[in-house]
């Protein structure tokens, strides 16, 4: 279990992104990371944080040790005893909130974090964990409010932006979630899982271009990871479908739309439909390259050699330097020659 100080809010590089709709080992790792924000004197990163007397450090040290060891019962007794003795410091309330949160007792955690914040309103650690408990309780609007304040207090803290993105997702505000994840990627451009989660947020908001771009960068970061390549392939397929929809919306009779449909049918080996689509494309724009080449390729598969050669002749008339057309022409001629008795 990792232990953090009240003001040293750096996180493990092995687990730095908030959860998204789909579970991954990375996200499960994050859920195990419970933040134990413990006090250190002479803090420099938390605004308006007053160092407590050295006597408090001495009294809570056993509680800190118990928390670090996972002995929640002993830690609770020590911090509760401090309260009974009149030691009402944000550190004490905060760590009692941490203990409640670790036990899944989020209502109690909310009460304790609020008590800490009543004394120290700019205590970013308590704002962050208060927001996560609200999120666990399904109180999404309150979670967003507290996590927004945590981000303002700790703009360079990845976990604050992560949890805020999660709260936005719970509210189905995918654009705002993507904005936080984008800032997280900017904090650590080499963290692949942050980009993966950002891509998923873009997909949820149907921003297919941005999703494909993030997945492309993922593959560049780790070209040996098959999952990233698979996700990128899916993204490009979705982007392709979206592109055809855009063309159809702008111009339902577009030659490019018919050409794209022909290509899709050809991949599915629906050659009659593919030929019909390519022919519509050629009729819509007789000067469009690659259409006659595609028709010739299909006619070759159907062993209609003369018709295939006629299509290649039309392609070469449009693109005289087409290497692909010349190669297909040779292939057709060889196939025709081999078919003769």
C-alpha atoms as a PDB file:
ATOM      1  CA  UNK A   1       0.000   0.000   0.000  1.00  0.00           C
ATOM      2  CA  UNK A   2       1.363   3.408  -0.983  1.00  0.00           C
ATOM      3  CA  UNK A   3       1.518   6.180   1.570  1.00  0.00           C
ATOM      4  CA  UNK A   4       1.481   9.834   0.569  1.00  0.00           C
ATOM      5  CA  UNK A   5       2.044  12.987   2.582  1.00  0.00           C
ATOM      6  CA  UNK A   6      -0.562  15.679   2.888  1.00  0.00           C
ATOM      7  CA  UNK A   7       1.190  17.899   0.369  1.00  0.00           C
ATOM      8  CA  UNK A   8       3.338  15.514  -1.641  1.00  0.00           C
ATOM      9  CA  UNK A   9       0.581  14.320  -3.966  1.00  0.00           C
ATOM     10  CA  UNK A  10       2.688  12.648  -6.589  1.00  0.00           C
ATOM     11  CA  UNK A  11       1.391   9.254  -7.660  1.00  0.00           C
ATOM     12  CA  UNK A  12       2.830   5.985  -8.819  1.00  0.00           C
ATOM     13  CA  UNK A  13       3.529   6.046 -12.565  1.00  0.00           C
ATOM     14  CA  UNK A  14       2.192   2.511 -12.777  1.00  0.00           C
ATOM     15  CA  UNK A  15      -1.345   3.605 -12.021  1.00  0.00           C
ATOM     16  CA  UNK A  16      -2.323   7.123 -13.033  1.00  0.00           C
ATOM     17  CA  UNK A  17      -5.673   7.107 -14.848  1.00  0.00           C
ATOM     18  CA  UNK A  18      -9.258   7.172 -13.607  1.00  0.00           C
ATOM     19  CA  UNK A  19     -11.704   4.460 -14.456  1.00  0.00           C
ATOM     20  CA  UNK A  20     -13.858   4.541 -17.577  1.00  0.00           C
ATOM     21  CA  UNK A  21     -16.846   2.405 -18.529  1.00  0.00           C
ATOM     22  CA  UNK A  22     -14.808  -0.693 -19.390  1.00  0.00           C
ATOM     23  CA  UNK A  23     -12.719  -2.387 -16.703  1.00  0.00           C
ATOM     24  CA  UNK A  24      -9.024  -3.052 -17.322  1.00  0.00           C
ATOM     25  CA  UNK A  25      -6.178  -4.282 -15.095  1.00  0.00           C
ATOM     26  CA  UNK A  26      -5.013  -0.673 -15.049  1.00  0.00           C
ATOM     27  CA  UNK A  27      -8.338   0.526 -13.657  1.00  0.00           C
ATOM     28  CA  UNK A  28      -8.468  -2.256 -11.110  1.00  0.00           C
ATOM     29  CA  UNK A  29      -5.006  -1.112 -10.038  1.00  0.00           C
ATOM     30  CA  UNK A  30      -6.316   2.398  -9.526  1.00  0.00           C
ATOM     31  CA  UNK A  31      -9.201   1.208  -7.369  1.00  0.00           C
ATOM     32  CA  UNK A  32      -6.699  -0.466  -5.030  1.00  0.00           C
ATOM     33  CA  UNK A  33      -4.780   2.791  -4.576  1.00  0.00           C
ATOM     34  CA  UNK A  34      -6.273   4.361  -1.469  1.00  0.00           C
ATOM     35  CA  UNK A  35      -4.687   7.687  -0.699  1.00  0.00           C
ATOM     36  CA  UNK A  36      -3.247   8.065   2.774  1.00  0.00           C
ATOM     37  CA  UNK A  37      -2.420  11.757   2.845  1.00  0.00           C
ATOM     38  CA  UNK A  38      -0.296  12.075   5.992  1.00  0.00           C
ATOM     39  CA  UNK A  39       1.154  15.218   7.473  1.00  0.00           C
ATOM     40  CA  UNK A  40       4.710  16.503   6.991  1.00  0.00           C
ATOM     41  CA  UNK A  41       5.965  19.710   8.541  1.00  0.00           C
ATOM     42  CA  UNK A  42       7.119  22.715   6.509  1.00  0.00           C
ATOM     43  CA  UNK A  43       4.714  21.937   3.683  1.00  0.00           C
ATOM     44  CA  UNK A  44       5.268  24.006   0.539  1.00  0.00           C
ATOM     45  CA  UNK A  45       2.749  22.659  -1.962  1.00  0.00           C
ATOM     46  CA  UNK A  46      -0.573  23.044  -0.143  1.00  0.00           C
ATOM     47  CA  UNK A  47      -1.853  26.634   0.092  1.00  0.00           C
ATOM     48  CA  UNK A  48      -2.720  27.943   3.528  1.00  0.00           C
ATOM     49  CA  UNK A  49      -1.607  24.737   5.260  1.00  0.00           C
ATOM     50  CA  UNK A  50      -0.377  25.486   8.778  1.00  0.00           C
ATOM     51  CA  UNK A  51       2.137  23.056  10.280  1.00  0.00           C
ATOM     52  CA  UNK A  52       0.750  21.493  13.475  1.00  0.00           C
ATOM     53  CA  UNK A  53       2.678  21.446  16.708  1.00  0.00           C
ATOM     54  CA  UNK A  54       5.361  18.811  16.993  1.00  0.00           C
ATOM     55  CA  UNK A  55       3.352  17.192  19.779  1.00  0.00           C
ATOM     56  CA  UNK A  56       0.656  16.300  17.244  1.00  0.00           C
ATOM     57  CA  UNK A  57       3.186  14.591  15.038  1.00  0.00           C
ATOM     58  CA  UNK A  58       4.258  12.498  17.983  1.00  0.00           C
ATOM     59  CA  UNK A  59       0.701  11.591  18.956  1.00  0.00           C
ATOM     60  CA  UNK A  60      -0.454  10.624  15.460  1.00  0.00           C
ATOM     61  CA  UNK A  61       2.726   8.829  14.412  1.00  0.00           C
ATOM     62  CA  UNK A  62       1.403   5.453  15.689  1.00  0.00           C
ATOM     63  CA  UNK A  63      -1.826   6.032  13.727  1.00  0.00           C
ATOM     64  CA  UNK A  64       0.172   6.750  10.602  1.00  0.00           C
ATOM     65  CA  UNK A  65       2.190   3.591  11.124  1.00  0.00           C
ATOM     66  CA  UNK A  66      -0.998   1.581  11.624  1.00  0.00           C
ATOM     67  CA  UNK A  67      -2.473   2.965   8.409  1.00  0.00           C
ATOM     68  CA  UNK A  68       0.681   2.114   6.500  1.00  0.00           C
ATOM     69  CA  UNK A  69       0.517  -1.432   7.782  1.00  0.00           C
ATOM     70  CA  UNK A  70      -3.207  -1.776   6.974  1.00  0.00           C
ATOM     71  CA  UNK A  71      -4.283  -2.002  10.631  1.00  0.00           C
ATOM     72  CA  UNK A  72      -7.384   0.165  10.306  1.00  0.00           C
ATOM     73  CA  UNK A  73      -8.795  -0.662  13.737  1.00  0.00           C
ATOM     74  CA  UNK A  74      -5.683   0.505  15.568  1.00  0.00           C
ATOM     75  CA  UNK A  75      -5.381   3.594  13.387  1.00  0.00           C
ATOM     76  CA  UNK A  76      -8.998   4.506  14.078  1.00  0.00           C
ATOM     77  CA  UNK A  77      -8.509   4.159  17.824  1.00  0.00           C
ATOM     78  CA  UNK A  78      -5.479   6.429  17.779  1.00  0.00           C
ATOM     79  CA  UNK A  79      -7.079   9.191  15.701  1.00  0.00           C
ATOM     80  CA  UNK A  80     -10.371   8.959  17.610  1.00  0.00           C
ATOM     81  CA  UNK A  81      -8.469   9.222  20.875  1.00  0.00           C
ATOM     82  CA  UNK A  82      -6.801  12.379  19.571  1.00  0.00           C
ATOM     83  CA  UNK A  83     -10.242  13.902  18.961  1.00  0.00           C
ATOM     84  CA  UNK A  84     -11.402  13.023  22.465  1.00  0.00           C
ATOM     85  CA  UNK A  85      -8.344  14.802  23.834  1.00  0.00           C
ATOM     86  CA  UNK A  86      -9.401  17.940  21.971  1.00  0.00           C
ATOM     87  CA  UNK A  87      -6.948  17.656  19.093  1.00  0.00           C
ATOM     88  CA  UNK A  88      -9.161  18.895  16.270  1.00  0.00           C
ATOM     89  CA  UNK A  89      -6.737  19.179  13.357  1.00  0.00           C
ATOM     90  CA  UNK A  90      -7.584  18.573   9.652  1.00  0.00           C
ATOM     91  CA  UNK A  91      -5.054  15.748   9.629  1.00  0.00           C
ATOM     92  CA  UNK A  92      -7.009  13.805  12.244  1.00  0.00           C
ATOM     93  CA  UNK A  93     -10.400  14.227  10.568  1.00  0.00           C
ATOM     94  CA  UNK A  94      -8.914  13.526   7.155  1.00  0.00           C
ATOM     95  CA  UNK A  95      -7.340  10.230   8.138  1.00  0.00           C
ATOM     96  CA  UNK A  96     -10.511   9.101   9.883  1.00  0.00           C
ATOM     97  CA  UNK A  97     -12.192   9.808   6.542  1.00  0.00           C
ATOM     98  CA  UNK A  98      -9.552   7.736   4.768  1.00  0.00           C
ATOM     99  CA  UNK A  99     -10.205   4.830   7.136  1.00  0.00           C
ATOM    100  CA  UNK A 100     -13.961   5.033   6.521  1.00  0.00           C
ATOM    101  CA  UNK A 101     -13.404   5.222   2.772  1.00  0.00           C
ATOM    102  CA  UNK A 102     -11.116   2.184   2.842  1.00  0.00           C
ATOM    103  CA  UNK A 103     -13.896   0.282   4.603  1.00  0.00           C
ATOM    104  CA  UNK A 104     -16.414   1.370   1.996  1.00  0.00           C
ATOM    105  CA  UNK A 105     -18.266   3.506   4.561  1.00  0.00           C
ATOM    106  CA  UNK A 106     -18.648   6.514   2.292  1.00  0.00           C
ATOM    107  CA  UNK A 107     -21.304   8.384   4.266  1.00  0.00           C
ATOM    108  CA  UNK A 108     -19.008   8.459   7.279  1.00  0.00           C
ATOM    109  CA  UNK A 109     -16.083   9.366   5.033  1.00  0.00           C
ATOM    110  CA  UNK A 110     -18.032  12.340   3.658  1.00  0.00           C
ATOM    111  CA  UNK A 111     -18.706  13.581   7.196  1.00  0.00           C
ATOM    112  CA  UNK A 112     -15.042  13.298   8.197  1.00  0.00           C
ATOM    113  CA  UNK A 113     -13.695  15.009   5.072  1.00  0.00           C
ATOM    114  CA  UNK A 114     -16.197  17.832   5.553  1.00  0.00           C
ATOM    115  CA  UNK A 115     -14.984  18.276   9.127  1.00  0.00           C
ATOM    116  CA  UNK A 116     -11.418  18.534   7.856  1.00  0.00           C
ATOM    117  CA  UNK A 117     -12.474  21.078   5.228  1.00  0.00           C
ATOM    118  CA  UNK A 118     -14.417  23.163   7.739  1.00  0.00           C
ATOM    119  CA  UNK A 119     -11.059  23.841   9.401  1.00  0.00           C
ATOM    120  CA  UNK A 120      -8.900  23.904   6.276  1.00  0.00           C
ATOM    121  CA  UNK A 121     -11.045  24.747   3.175  1.00  0.00           C
ATOM    122  CA  UNK A 122      -8.040  24.643   0.817  1.00  0.00           C
ATOM    123  CA  UNK A 123      -7.064  21.128   1.859  1.00  0.00           C
ATOM    124  CA  UNK A 124      -6.851  19.621  -1.615  1.00  0.00           C
ATOM    125  CA  UNK A 125      -6.425  16.043  -0.412  1.00  0.00           C
ATOM    126  CA  UNK A 126      -9.745  16.122   1.426  1.00  0.00           C
ATOM    127  CA  UNK A 127     -11.488  17.771  -1.538  1.00  0.00           C
ATOM    128  CA  UNK A 128     -10.253  14.971  -3.774  1.00  0.00           C
ATOM    129  CA  UNK A 129     -11.316  12.127  -1.494  1.00  0.00           C
ATOM    130  CA  UNK A 130     -14.612  13.817  -0.622  1.00  0.00           C
ATOM    131  CA  UNK A 131     -15.371  13.896  -4.341  1.00  0.00           C
ATOM    132  CA  UNK A 132     -14.510  10.205  -4.756  1.00  0.00           C
ATOM    133  CA  UNK A 133     -16.831   9.258  -1.885  1.00  0.00           C
ATOM    134  CA  UNK A 134     -19.655  11.311  -3.399  1.00  0.00           C
ATOM    135  CA  UNK A 135     -19.016   9.465  -6.655  1.00  0.00           C
ATOM    136  CA  UNK A 136     -19.185   6.104  -4.891  1.00  0.00           C
ATOM    137  CA  UNK A 137     -22.532   7.158  -3.393  1.00  0.00           C
ATOM    138  CA  UNK A 138     -23.913   8.102  -6.795  1.00  0.00           C
ATOM    139  CA  UNK A 139     -24.110  11.771  -5.861  1.00  0.00           C
ATOM    140  CA  UNK A 140     -22.572  12.823  -9.150  1.00  0.00           C
ATOM    141  CA  UNK A 141     -23.309  16.554  -9.092  1.00  0.00           C
ATOM    142  CA  UNK A 142     -21.674  16.900  -5.668  1.00  0.00           C
ATOM    143  CA  UNK A 143     -18.754  14.780  -6.838  1.00  0.00           C
ATOM    144  CA  UNK A 144     -18.210  17.050  -9.849  1.00  0.00           C
ATOM    145  CA  UNK A 145     -18.331  20.159  -7.641  1.00  0.00           C
ATOM    146  CA  UNK A 146     -15.760  18.879  -5.133  1.00  0.00           C
ATOM    147  CA  UNK A 147     -13.460  17.402  -7.755  1.00  0.00           C
ATOM    148  CA  UNK A 148     -13.512  20.637  -9.737  1.00  0.00           C
ATOM    149  CA  UNK A 149     -12.312  22.403  -6.598  1.00  0.00           C
ATOM    150  CA  UNK A 150      -9.667  19.708  -6.079  1.00  0.00           C
ATOM    151  CA  UNK A 151      -8.369  20.321  -9.613  1.00  0.00           C
ATOM    152  CA  UNK A 152      -8.191  24.068  -8.940  1.00  0.00           C
ATOM    153  CA  UNK A 153      -6.205  23.399  -5.765  1.00  0.00           C
ATOM    154  CA  UNK A 154      -3.970  20.753  -7.370  1.00  0.00           C
ATOM    155  CA  UNK A 155      -3.834  21.430 -11.146  1.00  0.00           C
ATOM    156  CA  UNK A 156      -0.774  19.236 -11.636  1.00  0.00           C
ATOM    157  CA  UNK A 157      -2.175  16.303  -9.643  1.00  0.00           C
ATOM    158  CA  UNK A 158      -3.162  13.517 -12.094  1.00  0.00           C
ATOM    159  CA  UNK A 159      -5.555  11.792  -9.684  1.00  0.00           C
ATOM    160  CA  UNK A 160      -7.657  14.921  -9.303  1.00  0.00           C
ATOM    161  CA  UNK A 161      -8.208  15.187 -13.049  1.00  0.00           C
ATOM    162  CA  UNK A 162      -8.749  11.430 -13.299  1.00  0.00           C
ATOM    163  CA  UNK A 163     -11.491  11.347 -10.718  1.00  0.00           C
ATOM    164  CA  UNK A 164     -13.103  14.466 -12.192  1.00  0.00           C
ATOM    165  CA  UNK A 165     -13.174  12.738 -15.586  1.00  0.00           C
ATOM    166  CA  UNK A 166     -14.839   9.750 -13.941  1.00  0.00           C
ATOM    167  CA  UNK A 167     -17.441  12.026 -12.341  1.00  0.00           C
ATOM    168  CA  UNK A 168     -18.177  13.639 -15.692  1.00  0.00           C
ATOM    169  CA  UNK A 169     -18.592  10.186 -17.218  1.00  0.00           C
ATOM    170  CA  UNK A 170     -21.022   9.198 -14.496  1.00  0.00           C
ATOM    171  CA  UNK A 171     -22.986  12.318 -15.479  1.00  0.00           C
ATOM    172  CA  UNK A 172     -22.659  11.309 -19.161  1.00  0.00           C
ATOM    173  CA  UNK A 173     -20.813  14.526 -19.906  1.00  0.00           C
ATOM    174  CA  UNK A 174     -18.376  12.882 -22.303  1.00  0.00           C
ATOM    175  CA  UNK A 175     -16.984  16.128 -23.721  1.00  0.00           C
ATOM    176  CA  UNK A 176     -15.976  17.394 -20.277  1.00  0.00           C
ATOM    177  CA  UNK A 177     -14.521  13.958 -19.411  1.00  0.00           C
ATOM    178  CA  UNK A 178     -12.427  14.032 -22.587  1.00  0.00           C
ATOM    179  CA  UNK A 179     -11.161  17.518 -21.720  1.00  0.00           C
ATOM    180  CA  UNK A 180      -9.851  16.321 -18.357  1.00  0.00           C
ATOM    181  CA  UNK A 181      -8.282  13.224 -19.869  1.00  0.00           C
ATOM    182  CA  UNK A 182      -6.645  15.361 -22.554  1.00  0.00           C
ATOM    183  CA  UNK A 183      -5.047  17.474 -19.835  1.00  0.00           C
ATOM    184  CA  UNK A 184      -3.945  14.270 -18.136  1.00  0.00           C
ATOM    185  CA  UNK A 185      -2.275  13.124 -21.363  1.00  0.00           C
ATOM    186  CA  UNK A 186      -0.502  16.487 -21.505  1.00  0.00           C
ATOM    187  CA  UNK A 187       0.824  15.878 -17.990  1.00  0.00           C
ATOM    188  CA  UNK A 188       2.262  12.514 -19.059  1.00  0.00           C
ATOM    189  CA  UNK A 189       2.341  12.087 -22.867  1.00  0.00           C
ATOM    190  CA  UNK A 190       4.089   8.714 -22.599  1.00  0.00           C
ATOM    191  CA  UNK A 191       1.400   7.070 -20.431  1.00  0.00           C
ATOM    192  CA  UNK A 192      -0.425   4.718 -22.836  1.00  0.00           C
ATOM    193  CA  UNK A 193      -3.442   3.936 -20.672  1.00  0.00           C
ATOM    194  CA  UNK A 194      -4.318   7.611 -20.374  1.00  0.00           C
ATOM    195  CA  UNK A 195      -4.536   7.797 -24.165  1.00  0.00           C
ATOM    196  CA  UNK A 196      -6.617   4.620 -24.317  1.00  0.00           C
ATOM    197  CA  UNK A 197      -9.132   6.028 -21.852  1.00  0.00           C
ATOM    198  CA  UNK A 198      -9.153   9.343 -23.724  1.00  0.00           C
ATOM    199  CA  UNK A 199      -9.895   7.487 -26.964  1.00  0.00           C
ATOM    200  CA  UNK A 200     -12.833   5.731 -25.277  1.00  0.00           C
ATOM    201  CA  UNK A 201     -14.172   9.063 -24.065  1.00  0.00           C
ATOM    202  CA  UNK A 202     -13.967  10.444 -27.598  1.00  0.00           C
ATOM    203  CA  UNK A 203     -15.793   7.370 -28.903  1.00  0.00           C
ATOM    204  CA  UNK A 204     -18.535   7.854 -26.314  1.00  0.00           C
ATOM    205  CA  UNK A 205     -19.008  11.409 -27.590  1.00  0.00           C
ATOM    206  CA  UNK A 206     -18.889  10.097 -31.195  1.00  0.00           C
ATOM    207  CA  UNK A 207     -15.777  12.096 -32.038  1.00  0.00           C
ATOM    208  CA  UNK A 208     -14.416   9.345 -34.275  1.00  0.00           C
ATOM    209  CA  UNK A 209     -11.575  11.393 -35.758  1.00  0.00           C
ATOM    210  CA  UNK A 210     -10.130  12.320 -32.343  1.00  0.00           C
ATOM    211  CA  UNK A 211     -10.526   8.716 -31.112  1.00  0.00           C
ATOM    212  CA  UNK A 212      -8.636   7.349 -34.114  1.00  0.00           C
ATOM    213  CA  UNK A 213      -5.871   9.920 -33.627  1.00  0.00           C
ATOM    214  CA  UNK A 214      -5.331   8.893 -29.992  1.00  0.00           C
ATOM    215  CA  UNK A 215      -5.256   5.205 -30.891  1.00  0.00           C
ATOM    216  CA  UNK A 216      -2.781   5.919 -33.680  1.00  0.00           C
ATOM    217  CA  UNK A 217      -0.494   7.573 -31.121  1.00  0.00           C
ATOM    218  CA  UNK A 218      -0.965   4.566 -28.843  1.00  0.00           C
ATOM    219  CA  UNK A 219       0.298   2.223 -31.540  1.00  0.00           C
ATOM    220  CA  UNK A 220       3.265   4.519 -32.077  1.00  0.00           C
ATOM    221  CA  UNK A 221       4.034   4.388 -28.339  1.00  0.00           C
ATOM    222  CA  UNK A 222       3.875   0.592 -28.200  1.00  0.00           C
ATOM    223  CA  UNK A 223       3.831  -1.028 -31.660  1.00  0.00           C
ATOM    224  CA  UNK A 224       4.247  -4.495 -30.129  1.00  0.00           C
ATOM    225  CA  UNK A 225       0.974  -4.371 -28.179  1.00  0.00           C
ATOM    226  CA  UNK A 226      -1.695  -6.230 -30.203  1.00  0.00           C
ATOM    227  CA  UNK A 227      -4.605  -4.754 -28.237  1.00  0.00           C
ATOM    228  CA  UNK A 228      -3.686  -1.242 -29.327  1.00  0.00           C
ATOM    229  CA  UNK A 229      -3.442  -2.320 -32.966  1.00  0.00           C
ATOM    230  CA  UNK A 230      -6.820  -4.062 -32.680  1.00  0.00           C
ATOM    231  CA  UNK A 231      -8.475  -1.005 -31.143  1.00  0.00           C
ATOM    232  CA  UNK A 232      -6.962   1.211 -33.832  1.00  0.00           C
ATOM    233  CA  UNK A 233      -8.346  -1.074 -36.550  1.00  0.00           C
ATOM    234  CA  UNK A 234     -11.823  -0.885 -35.013  1.00  0.00           C
ATOM    235  CA  UNK A 235     -11.530   2.879 -34.786  1.00  0.00           C
ATOM    236  CA  UNK A 236     -10.596   3.241 -38.446  1.00  0.00           C
ATOM    237  CA  UNK A 237     -13.526   1.035 -39.436  1.00  0.00           C
ATOM    238  CA  UNK A 238     -15.895   3.243 -37.442  1.00  0.00           C
ATOM    239  CA  UNK A 239     -14.288   6.320 -38.934  1.00  0.00           C
ATOM    240  CA  UNK A 240     -14.744   4.871 -42.414  1.00  0.00           C
ATOM    241  CA  UNK A 241     -18.440   4.291 -41.774  1.00  0.00           C
ATOM    242  CA  UNK A 242     -18.798   7.793 -40.370  1.00  0.00           C
ATOM    243  CA  UNK A 243     -17.078   9.220 -43.467  1.00  0.00           C
ATOM    244  CA  UNK A 244     -19.533   7.487 -45.789  1.00  0.00           C
ATOM    245  CA  UNK A 245     -22.420   8.796 -43.710  1.00  0.00           C
ATOM    246  CA  UNK A 246     -21.037  12.320 -44.056  1.00  0.00           C
ATOM    247  CA  UNK A 247     -20.717  11.946 -47.819  1.00  0.00           C
ATOM    248  CA  UNK A 248     -24.253  10.563 -48.055  1.00  0.00           C
ATOM    249  CA  UNK A 249     -25.572  13.476 -45.998  1.00  0.00           C
ATOM    250  CA  UNK A 250     -23.808  16.057 -48.177  1.00  0.00           C
ATOM    251  CA  UNK A 251     -24.443  14.394 -51.554  1.00  0.00           C
ATOM    252  CA  UNK A 252     -26.368  11.099 -51.698  1.00  0.00           C
ATOM    253  CA  UNK A 253     -25.473  10.772 -55.399  1.00  0.00           C
ATOM    254  CA  UNK A 254     -21.756  11.285 -54.893  1.00  0.00           C
ATOM    255  CA  UNK A 255     -19.457   9.166 -57.054  1.00  0.00           C
ATOM    256  CA  UNK A 256     -17.133   8.776 -54.065  1.00  0.00           C
ATOM    257  CA  UNK A 257     -19.978   7.330 -51.998  1.00  0.00           C
ATOM    258  CA  UNK A 258     -20.691   4.725 -54.675  1.00  0.00           C
ATOM    259  CA  UNK A 259     -16.980   3.989 -54.969  1.00  0.00           C
ATOM    260  CA  UNK A 260     -16.752   3.470 -51.206  1.00  0.00           C
ATOM    261  CA  UNK A 261     -19.788   1.191 -51.235  1.00  0.00           C
ATOM    262  CA  UNK A 262     -18.216  -0.795 -54.048  1.00  0.00           C
ATOM    263  CA  UNK A 263     -15.052  -1.256 -52.032  1.00  0.00           C
ATOM    264  CA  UNK A 264     -17.028  -2.420 -48.999  1.00  0.00           C
ATOM    265  CA  UNK A 265     -19.008  -4.920 -51.087  1.00  0.00           C
ATOM    266  CA  UNK A 266     -15.822  -6.186 -52.725  1.00  0.00           C
ATOM    267  CA  UNK A 267     -14.214  -6.849 -49.324  1.00  0.00           C
ATOM    268  CA  UNK A 268     -17.338  -8.844 -48.410  1.00  0.00           C
ATOM    269  CA  UNK A 269     -17.042 -10.728 -51.746  1.00  0.00           C
ATOM    270  CA  UNK A 270     -20.462  -9.464 -52.820  1.00  0.00           C
ATOM    271  CA  UNK A 271     -19.199  -8.931 -56.343  1.00  0.00           C
ATOM    272  CA  UNK A 272     -22.496  -8.262 -58.118  1.00  0.00           C
ATOM    273  CA  UNK A 273     -23.337  -5.492 -55.664  1.00  0.00           C
ATOM    274  CA  UNK A 274     -19.785  -4.178 -55.899  1.00  0.00           C
ATOM    275  CA  UNK A 275     -19.927  -4.026 -59.700  1.00  0.00           C
ATOM    276  CA  UNK A 276     -23.238  -2.187 -59.587  1.00  0.00           C
ATOM    277  CA  UNK A 277     -21.855   0.372 -57.129  1.00  0.00           C
ATOM    278  CA  UNK A 278     -18.675   0.923 -59.152  1.00  0.00           C
ATOM    279  CA  UNK A 279     -20.682   1.343 -62.330  1.00  0.00           C
ATOM    280  CA  UNK A 280     -22.855   3.967 -60.629  1.00  0.00           C
ATOM    281  CA  UNK A 281     -19.664   5.729 -59.555  1.00  0.00           C
ATOM    282  CA  UNK A 282     -18.356   5.713 -63.136  1.00  0.00           C
ATOM    283  CA  UNK A 283     -21.645   7.095 -64.428  1.00  0.00           C
ATOM    284  CA  UNK A 284     -21.674   9.835 -61.769  1.00  0.00           C
ATOM    285  CA  UNK A 285     -18.078  10.860 -62.549  1.00  0.00           C
ATOM    286  CA  UNK A 286     -16.541   9.384 -65.717  1.00  0.00           C
ATOM    287  CA  UNK A 287     -13.164  10.948 -64.824  1.00  0.00           C
ATOM    288  CA  UNK A 288     -12.884   9.332 -61.384  1.00  0.00           C
ATOM    289  CA  UNK A 289      -9.701   7.213 -61.179  1.00  0.00           C
ATOM    290  CA  UNK A 290      -9.491   3.681 -59.724  1.00  0.00           C
ATOM    291  CA  UNK A 291     -13.126   2.847 -60.516  1.00  0.00           C
ATOM    292  CA  UNK A 292     -12.434   1.043 -63.799  1.00  0.00           C
ATOM    293  CA  UNK A 293      -9.420  -0.574 -62.127  1.00  0.00           C
ATOM    294  CA  UNK A 294     -11.696  -1.999 -59.430  1.00  0.00           C
ATOM    295  CA  UNK A 295     -14.242  -3.197 -62.003  1.00  0.00           C
ATOM    296  CA  UNK A 296     -11.472  -4.878 -63.986  1.00  0.00           C
ATOM    297  CA  UNK A 297     -10.233  -6.651 -60.869  1.00  0.00           C
ATOM    298  CA  UNK A 298     -13.686  -8.064 -60.151  1.00  0.00           C
ATOM    299  CA  UNK A 299     -14.210  -9.136 -63.764  1.00  0.00           C
ATOM    300  CA  UNK A 300     -10.879 -10.948 -63.605  1.00  0.00           C
ATOM    301  CA  UNK A 301     -12.148 -12.905 -60.576  1.00  0.00           C
ATOM    302  CA  UNK A 302     -15.247 -13.762 -62.620  1.00  0.00           C
ATOM    303  CA  UNK A 303     -13.023 -14.829 -65.550  1.00  0.00           C
ATOM    304  CA  UNK A 304     -14.602 -12.241 -67.852  1.00  0.00           C
ATOM    305  CA  UNK A 305     -11.251 -11.409 -69.402  1.00  0.00           C
ATOM    306  CA  UNK A 306     -12.304  -9.359 -72.400  1.00  0.00           C
ATOM    307  CA  UNK A 307     -14.582  -7.134 -70.339  1.00  0.00           C
ATOM    308  CA  UNK A 308     -11.833  -6.785 -67.738  1.00  0.00           C
ATOM    309  CA  UNK A 309      -9.317  -5.659 -70.373  1.00  0.00           C
ATOM    310  CA  UNK A 310     -11.821  -3.110 -71.675  1.00  0.00           C
ATOM    311  CA  UNK A 311     -12.105  -1.620 -68.183  1.00  0.00           C
ATOM    312  CA  UNK A 312      -8.321  -1.484 -67.802  1.00  0.00           C
ATOM    313  CA  UNK A 313      -8.098   0.345 -71.121  1.00  0.00           C
ATOM    314  CA  UNK A 314     -10.477   2.971 -69.761  1.00  0.00           C
ATOM    315  CA  UNK A 315      -8.414   3.256 -66.576  1.00  0.00           C
ATOM    316  CA  UNK A 316      -5.183   3.724 -68.530  1.00  0.00           C
ATOM    317  CA  UNK A 317      -6.860   6.389 -70.609  1.00  0.00           C
ATOM    318  CA  UNK A 318      -7.616   8.289 -67.399  1.00  0.00           C
ATOM    319  CA  UNK A 319      -4.272   7.516 -65.709  1.00  0.00           C
ATOM    320  CA  UNK A 320      -1.709   6.580 -68.386  1.00  0.00           C
ATOM    321  CA  UNK A 321       1.098   6.120 -65.833  1.00  0.00           C
ATOM    322  CA  UNK A 322      -0.898   3.806 -63.544  1.00  0.00           C
ATOM    323  CA  UNK A 323       1.445   1.016 -62.493  1.00  0.00           C
ATOM    324  CA  UNK A 324      -1.443  -0.854 -60.837  1.00  0.00           C
ATOM    325  CA  UNK A 325      -3.435  -0.799 -64.077  1.00  0.00           C
ATOM    326  CA  UNK A 326      -0.469  -2.068 -66.106  1.00  0.00           C
ATOM    327  CA  UNK A 327       0.164  -4.885 -63.636  1.00  0.00           C
ATOM    328  CA  UNK A 328      -3.505  -5.903 -63.661  1.00  0.00           C
ATOM    329  CA  UNK A 329      -3.573  -5.782 -67.456  1.00  0.00           C
ATOM    330  CA  UNK A 330      -0.640  -8.213 -67.604  1.00  0.00           C
ATOM    331  CA  UNK A 331      -2.321 -10.480 -65.063  1.00  0.00           C
ATOM    332  CA  UNK A 332      -5.564 -10.515 -67.083  1.00  0.00           C
ATOM    333  CA  UNK A 333      -3.750 -11.250 -70.335  1.00  0.00           C
ATOM    334  CA  UNK A 334      -1.844 -14.129 -68.741  1.00  0.00           C
ATOM    335  CA  UNK A 335      -5.051 -15.539 -67.236  1.00  0.00           C
ATOM    336  CA  UNK A 336      -6.827 -15.319 -70.587  1.00  0.00           C
ATOM    337  CA  UNK A 337      -3.932 -17.008 -72.358  1.00  0.00           C
ATOM    338  CA  UNK A 338      -3.863 -19.789 -69.783  1.00  0.00           C
ATOM    339  CA  UNK A 339      -7.583 -20.398 -70.145  1.00  0.00           C
ATOM    340  CA  UNK A 340      -7.430 -21.147 -73.860  1.00  0.00           C
ATOM    341  CA  UNK A 341      -7.322 -24.807 -74.935  1.00  0.00           C
END
